[in-house]
Structures are given as C-alpha cells and as structure tokens.
Amino acid sequence: FRVWERGVGETMACGTGASAAVVAGVLNKNLSPDSIV
C-alpha cells in the first residue's frame, strides 16, 4: 500500500485509506475481508 493524502501528500501510512483499500478489494472480489495491509 502507498497513499497520497489530500492536503498532505504521500505519507507513511493512512488508517482510513487502509480500511478503504480492503473494502475496495472485497468489492472487486480479489481480497479477503480479513486482510493485512
């Protein structure tokens, strides 16, 4: 995972972004709903 945060730029981590990434993976049927980011 890499993230570009609005108002900040690239950061080392983003918790809401990691959450959104797993949700997106599940919606696209390529990731488990219990995953490590």
ModelCIF file with pLDDT and N, C-alpha, C, O atoms, coordinates in Angstrom:
data_MODEL
#
_entry.id   MODEL 
#
_entity.id                         1 
_entity.type                       polymer 
_entity.pdbx_number_of_molecules   1 
#
_entity_poly.entity_id                      1 
_entity_poly.type                           'polypeptide(L)' 
_entity_poly.nstd_linkage                   no 
_entity_poly.nstd_monomer                   no 
_entity_poly.pdbx_seq_one_letter_code       FRVWERGVGETMACGTGASAAVVAGVLNKNLSPDSIV 
_entity_poly.pdbx_seq_one_letter_code_can   FRVWERGVGETMACGTGASAAVVAGVLNKNLSPDSIV 
_entity_poly.pdbx_strand_id                 A 
#
loop_
_entity_poly_seq.entity_id 
_entity_poly_seq.num 
_entity_poly_seq.mon_id 
_entity_poly_seq.hetero 
1 1  PHE n 
1 2  ARG n 
1 3  VAL n 
1 4  TRP n 
1 5  GLU n 
1 6  ARG n 
1 7  GLY n 
1 8  VAL n 
1 9  GLY n 
1 10 GLU n 
1 11 THR n 
1 12 MET n 
1 13 ALA n 
1 14 CYS n 
1 15 GLY n 
1 16 THR n 
1 17 GLY n 
1 18 ALA n 
1 19 SER n 
1 20 ALA n 
1 21 ALA n 
1 22 VAL n 
1 23 VAL n 
1 24 ALA n 
1 25 GLY n 
1 26 VAL n 
1 27 LEU n 
1 28 ASN n 
1 29 LYS n 
1 30 ASN n 
1 31 LEU n 
1 32 SER n 
1 33 PRO n 
1 34 ASP n 
1 35 SER n 
1 36 ILE n 
1 37 VAL n 
#
_struct_asym.id          A 
_struct_asym.entity_id   1 
#
loop_
_ma_qa_metric.id 
_ma_qa_metric.mode 
_ma_qa_metric.name 
_ma_qa_metric.software_group_id 
_ma_qa_metric.type 
1 global pLDDT . pLDDT 
2 local  pLDDT . pLDDT 
#
_ma_qa_metric_global.metric_id      1 
_ma_qa_metric_global.metric_value   96.27 
_ma_qa_metric_global.model_id       1 
_ma_qa_metric_global.ordinal_id     1 
#
loop_
_ma_qa_metric_local.label_asym_id 
_ma_qa_metric_local.label_comp_id 
_ma_qa_metric_local.label_seq_id 
_ma_qa_metric_local.metric_id 
_ma_qa_metric_local.metric_value 
_ma_qa_metric_local.model_id 
_ma_qa_metric_local.ordinal_id 
A PHE 1  2 95.00 1 1  
A ARG 2  2 98.00 1 2  
A VAL 3  2 97.00 1 3  
A TRP 4  2 97.00 1 4  
A GLU 5  2 95.00 1 5  
A ARG 6  2 94.00 1 6  
A GLY 7  2 90.00 1 7  
A VAL 8  2 91.00 1 8  
A GLY 9  2 94.00 1 9  
A GLU 10 2 96.00 1 10 
A THR 11 2 93.00 1 11 
A MET 12 2 93.00 1 12 
A ALA 13 2 94.00 1 13 
A CYS 14 2 94.00 1 14 
A GLY 15 2 95.00 1 15 
A THR 16 2 95.00 1 16 
A GLY 17 2 96.00 1 17 
A ALA 18 2 97.00 1 18 
A SER 19 2 97.00 1 19 
A ALA 20 2 98.00 1 20 
A ALA 21 2 98.00 1 21 
A VAL 22 2 98.00 1 22 
A VAL 23 2 98.00 1 23 
A ALA 24 2 98.00 1 24 
A GLY 25 2 98.00 1 25 
A VAL 26 2 98.00 1 26 
A LEU 27 2 98.00 1 27 
A ASN 28 2 98.00 1 28 
A LYS 29 2 97.00 1 29 
A ASN 30 2 96.00 1 30 
A LEU 31 2 98.00 1 31 
A SER 32 2 98.00 1 32 
A PRO 33 2 98.00 1 33 
A ASP 34 2 98.00 1 34 
A SER 35 2 98.00 1 35 
A ILE 36 2 98.00 1 36 
A VAL 37 2 98.00 1 37 
#
loop_
_atom_site.group_PDB 
_atom_site.id 
_atom_site.type_symbol 
_atom_site.label_atom_id 
_atom_site.label_alt_id 
_atom_site.label_comp_id 
_atom_site.label_asym_id 
_atom_site.label_entity_id 
_atom_site.label_seq_id 
_atom_site.pdbx_PDB_ins_code 
_atom_site.Cartn_x 
_atom_site.Cartn_y 
_atom_site.Cartn_z 
_atom_site.occupancy 
_atom_site.B_iso_or_equiv 
_atom_site.pdbx_formal_charge 
_atom_site.auth_seq_id 
_atom_site.auth_comp_id 
_atom_site.auth_asym_id 
_atom_site.auth_atom_id 
_atom_site.pdbx_PDB_model_num 
ATOM 1   N N  . PHE A 1 1  ? 0.839   -1.201  0.000  1.00 95.00 ? 1  PHE A N  1 
ATOM 2   C CA . PHE A 1 1  ? 0.000   0.000   0.000  1.00 95.00 ? 1  PHE A CA 1 
ATOM 3   C C  . PHE A 1 1  ? 0.874   1.251   0.000  1.00 95.00 ? 1  PHE A C  1 
ATOM 4   O O  . PHE A 1 1  ? 1.813   1.369   0.787  1.00 95.00 ? 1  PHE A O  1 
ATOM 5   N N  . ARG A 1 2  ? 0.552   2.171   -0.885 1.00 98.00 ? 2  ARG A N  1 
ATOM 6   C CA . ARG A 1 2  ? 1.079   3.532   -0.790 1.00 98.00 ? 2  ARG A CA 1 
ATOM 7   C C  . ARG A 1 2  ? -0.102  4.495   -0.896 1.00 98.00 ? 2  ARG A C  1 
ATOM 8   O O  . ARG A 1 2  ? -1.119  4.183   -1.516 1.00 98.00 ? 2  ARG A O  1 
ATOM 9   N N  . VAL A 1 3  ? 0.047   5.651   -0.291 1.00 97.00 ? 3  VAL A N  1 
ATOM 10  C CA . VAL A 1 3  ? -1.089  6.568   -0.230 1.00 97.00 ? 3  VAL A CA 1 
ATOM 11  C C  . VAL A 1 3  ? -0.655  8.006   -0.494 1.00 97.00 ? 3  VAL A C  1 
ATOM 12  O O  . VAL A 1 3  ? 0.400   8.459   -0.050 1.00 97.00 ? 3  VAL A O  1 
ATOM 13  N N  . TRP A 1 4  ? -1.510  8.700   -1.230 1.00 97.00 ? 4  TRP A N  1 
ATOM 14  C CA . TRP A 1 4  ? -1.406  10.145  -1.410 1.00 97.00 ? 4  TRP A CA 1 
ATOM 15  C C  . TRP A 1 4  ? -2.574  10.760  -0.645 1.00 97.00 ? 4  TRP A C  1 
ATOM 16  O O  . TRP A 1 4  ? -3.731  10.597  -1.032 1.00 97.00 ? 4  TRP A O  1 
ATOM 17  N N  . GLU A 1 5  ? -2.266  11.472  0.447  1.00 95.00 ? 5  GLU A N  1 
ATOM 18  C CA . GLU A 1 5  ? -3.328  12.034  1.280  1.00 95.00 ? 5  GLU A CA 1 
ATOM 19  C C  . GLU A 1 5  ? -3.624  13.469  0.870  1.00 95.00 ? 5  GLU A C  1 
ATOM 20  O O  . GLU A 1 5  ? -2.715  14.277  0.683  1.00 95.00 ? 5  GLU A O  1 
ATOM 21  N N  . ARG A 1 6  ? -4.897  13.769  0.736  1.00 94.00 ? 6  ARG A N  1 
ATOM 22  C CA . ARG A 1 6  ? -5.290  15.135  0.371  1.00 94.00 ? 6  ARG A CA 1 
ATOM 23  C C  . ARG A 1 6  ? -4.828  16.101  1.465  1.00 94.00 ? 6  ARG A C  1 
ATOM 24  O O  . ARG A 1 6  ? -4.999  15.853  2.659  1.00 94.00 ? 6  ARG A O  1 
ATOM 25  N N  . GLY A 1 7  ? -4.252  17.183  1.025  1.00 90.00 ? 7  GLY A N  1 
ATOM 26  C CA . GLY A 1 7  ? -3.790  18.191  1.969  1.00 90.00 ? 7  GLY A CA 1 
ATOM 27  C C  . GLY A 1 7  ? -2.453  17.891  2.619  1.00 90.00 ? 7  GLY A C  1 
ATOM 28  O O  . GLY A 1 7  ? -1.955  18.700  3.402  1.00 90.00 ? 7  GLY A O  1 
ATOM 29  N N  . VAL A 1 8  ? -1.856  16.733  2.308  1.00 91.00 ? 8  VAL A N  1 
ATOM 30  C CA . VAL A 1 8  ? -0.596  16.361  2.941  1.00 91.00 ? 8  VAL A CA 1 
ATOM 31  C C  . VAL A 1 8  ? 0.434   15.927  1.902  1.00 91.00 ? 8  VAL A C  1 
ATOM 32  O O  . VAL A 1 8  ? 1.565   16.413  1.909  1.00 91.00 ? 8  VAL A O  1 
ATOM 33  N N  . GLY A 1 9  ? 0.048   15.013  1.005  1.00 94.00 ? 9  GLY A N  1 
ATOM 34  C CA . GLY A 1 9  ? 0.982   14.407  0.065  1.00 94.00 ? 9  GLY A CA 1 
ATOM 35  C C  . GLY A 1 9  ? 1.169   12.943  0.414  1.00 94.00 ? 9  GLY A C  1 
ATOM 36  O O  . GLY A 1 9  ? 0.340   12.366  1.118  1.00 94.00 ? 9  GLY A O  1 
ATOM 37  N N  . GLU A 1 10 ? 2.238   12.335  -0.064 1.00 96.00 ? 10 GLU A N  1 
ATOM 38  C CA . GLU A 1 10 ? 2.467   10.928  0.272  1.00 96.00 ? 10 GLU A CA 1 
ATOM 39  C C  . GLU A 1 10 ? 2.902   10.824  1.731  1.00 96.00 ? 10 GLU A C  1 
ATOM 40  O O  . GLU A 1 10 ? 3.770   11.567  2.190  1.00 96.00 ? 10 GLU A O  1 
ATOM 41  N N  . THR A 1 11 ? 2.288   9.895   2.447  1.00 93.00 ? 11 THR A N  1 
ATOM 42  C CA . THR A 1 11 ? 2.621   9.650   3.846  1.00 93.00 ? 11 THR A CA 1 
ATOM 43  C C  . THR A 1 11 ? 3.003   8.190   4.044  1.00 93.00 ? 11 THR A C  1 
ATOM 44  O O  . THR A 1 11 ? 2.810   7.355   3.160  1.00 93.00 ? 11 THR A O  1 
ATOM 45  N N  . MET A 1 12 ? 3.546   7.899   5.219  1.00 93.00 ? 12 MET A N  1 
ATOM 46  C CA . MET A 1 12 ? 3.981   6.542   5.534  1.00 93.00 ? 12 MET A CA 1 
ATOM 47  C C  . MET A 1 12 ? 2.805   5.595   5.747  1.00 93.00 ? 12 MET A C  1 
ATOM 48  O O  . MET A 1 12 ? 2.945   4.383   5.579  1.00 93.00 ? 12 MET A O  1 
ATOM 49  N N  . ALA A 1 13 ? 1.648   6.139   6.117  1.00 94.00 ? 13 ALA A N  1 
ATOM 50  C CA . ALA A 1 13 ? 0.514   5.292   6.443  1.00 94.00 ? 13 ALA A CA 1 
ATOM 51  C C  . ALA A 1 13 ? -0.767  6.111   6.447  1.00 94.00 ? 13 ALA A C  1 
ATOM 52  O O  . ALA A 1 13 ? -0.743  7.336   6.570  1.00 94.00 ? 13 ALA A O  1 
ATOM 53  N N  . CYS A 1 14 ? -1.890  5.407   6.311  1.00 94.00 ? 14 CYS A N  1 
ATOM 54  C CA . CYS A 1 14 ? -3.210  6.046   6.396  1.00 94.00 ? 14 CYS A CA 1 
ATOM 55  C C  . CYS A 1 14 ? -4.211  4.981   6.816  1.00 94.00 ? 14 CYS A C  1 
ATOM 56  O O  . CYS A 1 14 ? -4.476  4.042   6.066  1.00 94.00 ? 14 CYS A O  1 
ATOM 57  N N  . GLY A 1 15 ? -4.769  5.126   8.014  1.00 95.00 ? 15 GLY A N  1 
ATOM 58  C CA . GLY A 1 15 ? -5.677  4.117   8.549  1.00 95.00 ? 15 GLY A CA 1 
ATOM 59  C C  . GLY A 1 15 ? -6.996  4.037   7.819  1.00 95.00 ? 15 GLY A C  1 
ATOM 60  O O  . GLY A 1 15 ? -7.465  2.944   7.501  1.00 95.00 ? 15 GLY A O  1 
ATOM 61  N N  . THR A 1 16 ? -7.611  5.200   7.543  1.00 95.00 ? 16 THR A N  1 
ATOM 62  C CA . THR A 1 16 ? -8.863  5.173   6.792  1.00 95.00 ? 16 THR A CA 1 
ATOM 63  C C  . THR A 1 16 ? -8.608  4.673   5.369  1.00 95.00 ? 16 THR A C  1 
ATOM 64  O O  . THR A 1 16 ? -9.457  4.010   4.774  1.00 95.00 ? 16 THR A O  1 
ATOM 65  N N  . GLY A 1 17 ? -7.421  5.001   4.828  1.00 96.00 ? 17 GLY A N  1 
ATOM 66  C CA . GLY A 1 17 ? -7.070  4.535   3.494  1.00 96.00 ? 17 GLY A CA 1 
ATOM 67  C C  . GLY A 1 17 ? -6.879  3.032   3.438  1.00 96.00 ? 17 GLY A C  1 
ATOM 68  O O  . GLY A 1 17 ? -7.308  2.389   2.480  1.00 96.00 ? 17 GLY A O  1 
ATOM 69  N N  . ALA A 1 18 ? -6.233  2.456   4.464  1.00 97.00 ? 18 ALA A N  1 
ATOM 70  C CA . ALA A 1 18 ? -6.069  1.009   4.528  1.00 97.00 ? 18 ALA A CA 1 
ATOM 71  C C  . ALA A 1 18 ? -7.435  0.328   4.629  1.00 97.00 ? 18 ALA A C  1 
ATOM 72  O O  . ALA A 1 18 ? -7.666  -0.712  4.013  1.00 97.00 ? 18 ALA A O  1 
ATOM 73  N N  . SER A 1 19 ? -8.331  0.922   5.406  1.00 97.00 ? 19 SER A N  1 
ATOM 74  C CA . SER A 1 19 ? -9.686  0.385   5.521  1.00 97.00 ? 19 SER A CA 1 
ATOM 75  C C  . SER A 1 19 ? -10.400 0.421   4.176  1.00 97.00 ? 19 SER A C  1 
ATOM 76  O O  . SER A 1 19 ? -11.023 -0.556  3.762  1.00 97.00 ? 19 SER A O  1 
ATOM 77  N N  . ALA A 1 20 ? -10.298 1.562   3.502  1.00 98.00 ? 20 ALA A N  1 
ATOM 78  C CA . ALA A 1 20 ? -10.938 1.702   2.192  1.00 98.00 ? 20 ALA A CA 1 
ATOM 79  C C  . ALA A 1 20 ? -10.350 0.729   1.178  1.00 98.00 ? 20 ALA A C  1 
ATOM 80  O O  . ALA A 1 20 ? -11.070 0.207   0.328  1.00 98.00 ? 20 ALA A O  1 
ATOM 81  N N  . ALA A 1 21 ? -9.034  0.482   1.265  1.00 98.00 ? 21 ALA A N  1 
ATOM 82  C CA . ALA A 1 21 ? -8.372  -0.413  0.318  1.00 98.00 ? 21 ALA A CA 1 
ATOM 83  C C  . ALA A 1 21 ? -8.895  -1.840  0.447  1.00 98.00 ? 21 ALA A C  1 
ATOM 84  O O  . ALA A 1 21 ? -9.135  -2.508  -0.559 1.00 98.00 ? 21 ALA A O  1 
ATOM 85  N N  . VAL A 1 22 ? -9.072  -2.309  1.687  1.00 98.00 ? 22 VAL A N  1 
ATOM 86  C CA . VAL A 1 22 ? -9.596  -3.665  1.879  1.00 98.00 ? 22 VAL A CA 1 
ATOM 87  C C  . VAL A 1 22 ? -11.051 -3.750  1.420  1.00 98.00 ? 22 VAL A C  1 
ATOM 88  O O  . VAL A 1 22 ? -11.448 -4.735  0.798  1.00 98.00 ? 22 VAL A O  1 
ATOM 89  N N  . VAL A 1 23 ? -11.835 -2.735  1.719  1.00 98.00 ? 23 VAL A N  1 
ATOM 90  C CA . VAL A 1 23 ? -13.221 -2.705  1.227  1.00 98.00 ? 23 VAL A CA 1 
ATOM 91  C C  . VAL A 1 23 ? -13.241 -2.780  -0.300 1.00 98.00 ? 23 VAL A C  1 
ATOM 92  O O  . VAL A 1 23 ? -14.023 -3.531  -0.883 1.00 98.00 ? 23 VAL A O  1 
ATOM 93  N N  . ALA A 1 24 ? -12.376 -1.995  -0.937 1.00 98.00 ? 24 ALA A N  1 
ATOM 94  C CA . ALA A 1 24 ? -12.307 -1.993  -2.397 1.00 98.00 ? 24 ALA A CA 1 
ATOM 95  C C  . ALA A 1 24 ? -11.901 -3.361  -2.933 1.00 98.00 ? 24 ALA A C  1 
ATOM 96  O O  . ALA A 1 24 ? -12.427 -3.821  -3.946 1.00 98.00 ? 24 ALA A O  1 
ATOM 97  N N  . GLY A 1 25 ? -10.954 -4.012  -2.240 1.00 98.00 ? 25 GLY A N  1 
ATOM 98  C CA . GLY A 1 25 ? -10.528 -5.334  -2.661 1.00 98.00 ? 25 GLY A CA 1 
ATOM 99  C C  . GLY A 1 25 ? -11.645 -6.356  -2.575 1.00 98.00 ? 25 GLY A C  1 
ATOM 100 O O  . GLY A 1 25 ? -11.786 -7.212  -3.449 1.00 98.00 ? 25 GLY A O  1 
ATOM 101 N N  . VAL A 1 26 ? -12.442 -6.262  -1.513 1.00 98.00 ? 26 VAL A N  1 
ATOM 102 C CA . VAL A 1 26 ? -13.583 -7.166  -1.358 1.00 98.00 ? 26 VAL A CA 1 
ATOM 103 C C  . VAL A 1 26 ? -14.628 -6.896  -2.442 1.00 98.00 ? 26 VAL A C  1 
ATOM 104 O O  . VAL A 1 26 ? -15.169 -7.830  -3.034 1.00 98.00 ? 26 VAL A O  1 
ATOM 105 N N  . LEU A 1 27 ? -14.908 -5.621  -2.698 1.00 98.00 ? 27 LEU A N  1 
ATOM 106 C CA . LEU A 1 27 ? -15.897 -5.267  -3.719 1.00 98.00 ? 27 LEU A CA 1 
ATOM 107 C C  . LEU A 1 27 ? -15.486 -5.760  -5.104 1.00 98.00 ? 27 LEU A C  1 
ATOM 108 O O  . LEU A 1 27 ? -16.336 -6.082  -5.934 1.00 98.00 ? 27 LEU A O  1 
ATOM 109 N N  . ASN A 1 28 ? -14.178 -5.814  -5.345 1.00 98.00 ? 28 ASN A N  1 
ATOM 110 C CA . ASN A 1 28 ? -13.670 -6.303  -6.629 1.00 98.00 ? 28 ASN A CA 1 
ATOM 111 C C  . ASN A 1 28 ? -13.411 -7.809  -6.632 1.00 98.00 ? 28 ASN A C  1 
ATOM 112 O O  . ASN A 1 28 ? -12.897 -8.367  -7.601 1.00 98.00 ? 28 ASN A O  1 
ATOM 113 N N  . LYS A 1 29 ? -13.786 -8.458  -5.509 1.00 97.00 ? 29 LYS A N  1 
ATOM 114 C CA . LYS A 1 29 ? -13.711 -9.928  -5.405 1.00 97.00 ? 29 LYS A CA 1 
ATOM 115 C C  . LYS A 1 29 ? -12.282 -10.477 -5.535 1.00 97.00 ? 29 LYS A C  1 
ATOM 116 O O  . LYS A 1 29 ? -12.077 -11.568 -6.069 1.00 97.00 ? 29 LYS A O  1 
ATOM 117 N N  . ASN A 1 30 ? -11.305 -9.719  -5.047 1.00 96.00 ? 30 ASN A N  1 
ATOM 118 C CA . ASN A 1 30 ? -9.928  -10.216 -5.108 1.00 96.00 ? 30 ASN A CA 1 
ATOM 119 C C  . ASN A 1 30 ? -9.198  -10.138 -3.770 1.00 96.00 ? 30 ASN A C  1 
ATOM 120 O O  . ASN A 1 30 ? -7.974  -10.267 -3.724 1.00 96.00 ? 30 ASN A O  1 
ATOM 121 N N  . LEU A 1 31 ? -9.953  -9.923  -2.660 1.00 98.00 ? 31 LEU A N  1 
ATOM 122 C CA . LEU A 1 31 ? -9.311  -9.795  -1.356 1.00 98.00 ? 31 LEU A CA 1 
ATOM 123 C C  . LEU A 1 31 ? -10.265 -10.283 -0.269 1.00 98.00 ? 31 LEU A C  1 
ATOM 124 O O  . LEU A 1 31 ? -11.478 -10.096 -0.360 1.00 98.00 ? 31 LEU A O  1 
ATOM 125 N N  . SER A 1 32 ? -9.695  -10.914 0.763  1.00 98.00 ? 32 SER A N  1 
ATOM 126 C CA . SER A 1 32 ? -10.479 -11.364 1.903  1.00 98.00 ? 32 SER A CA 1 
ATOM 127 C C  . SER A 1 32 ? -10.908 -10.168 2.759  1.00 98.00 ? 32 SER A C  1 
ATOM 128 O O  . SER A 1 32 ? -10.186 -9.173  2.831  1.00 98.00 ? 32 SER A O  1 
ATOM 129 N N  . PRO A 1 33 ? -12.076 -10.253 3.407  1.00 98.00 ? 33 PRO A N  1 
ATOM 130 C CA . PRO A 1 33 ? -12.492 -9.158  4.301  1.00 98.00 ? 33 PRO A CA 1 
ATOM 131 C C  . PRO A 1 33 ? -11.683 -9.089  5.591  1.00 98.00 ? 33 PRO A C  1 
ATOM 132 O O  . PRO A 1 33 ? -11.870 -8.159  6.375  1.00 98.00 ? 33 PRO A O  1 
ATOM 133 N N  . ASP A 1 34 ? -10.795 -10.041 5.831  1.00 98.00 ? 34 ASP A N  1 
ATOM 134 C CA . ASP A 1 34 ? -9.863  -10.004 6.960  1.00 98.00 ? 34 ASP A CA 1 
ATOM 135 C C  . ASP A 1 34 ? -8.460  -10.080 6.371  1.00 98.00 ? 34 ASP A C  1 
ATOM 136 O O  . ASP A 1 34 ? -7.972  -11.165 6.055  1.00 98.00 ? 34 ASP A O  1 
ATOM 137 N N  . SER A 1 35 ? -7.812  -8.924  6.224  1.00 98.00 ? 35 SER A N  1 
ATOM 138 C CA . SER A 1 35 ? -6.550  -8.864  5.490  1.00 98.00 ? 35 SER A CA 1 
ATOM 139 C C  . SER A 1 35 ? -5.512  -8.002  6.208  1.00 98.00 ? 35 SER A C  1 
ATOM 140 O O  . SER A 1 35 ? -5.845  -7.160  7.041  1.00 98.00 ? 35 SER A O  1 
ATOM 141 N N  . ILE A 1 36 ? -4.256  -8.236  5.862  1.00 98.00 ? 36 ILE A N  1 
ATOM 142 C CA . ILE A 1 36 ? -3.140  -7.444  6.370  1.00 98.00 ? 36 ILE A CA 1 
ATOM 143 C C  . ILE A 1 36 ? -2.711  -6.451  5.289  1.00 98.00 ? 36 ILE A C  1 
ATOM 144 O O  . ILE A 1 36 ? -2.513  -6.819  4.130  1.00 98.00 ? 36 ILE A O  1 
ATOM 145 N N  . VAL A 1 37 ? -2.573  -5.207  5.687  1.00 98.00 ? 37 VAL A N  1 
ATOM 146 C CA . VAL A 1 37 ? -2.128  -4.150  4.782  1.00 98.00 ? 37 VAL A CA 1 
ATOM 147 C C  . VAL A 1 37 ? -0.702  -3.771  5.162  1.00 98.00 ? 37 VAL A C  1 
ATOM 148 O O  . VAL A 1 37 ? -0.109  -2.894  4.535  1.00 98.00 ? 37 VAL A O  1 
#
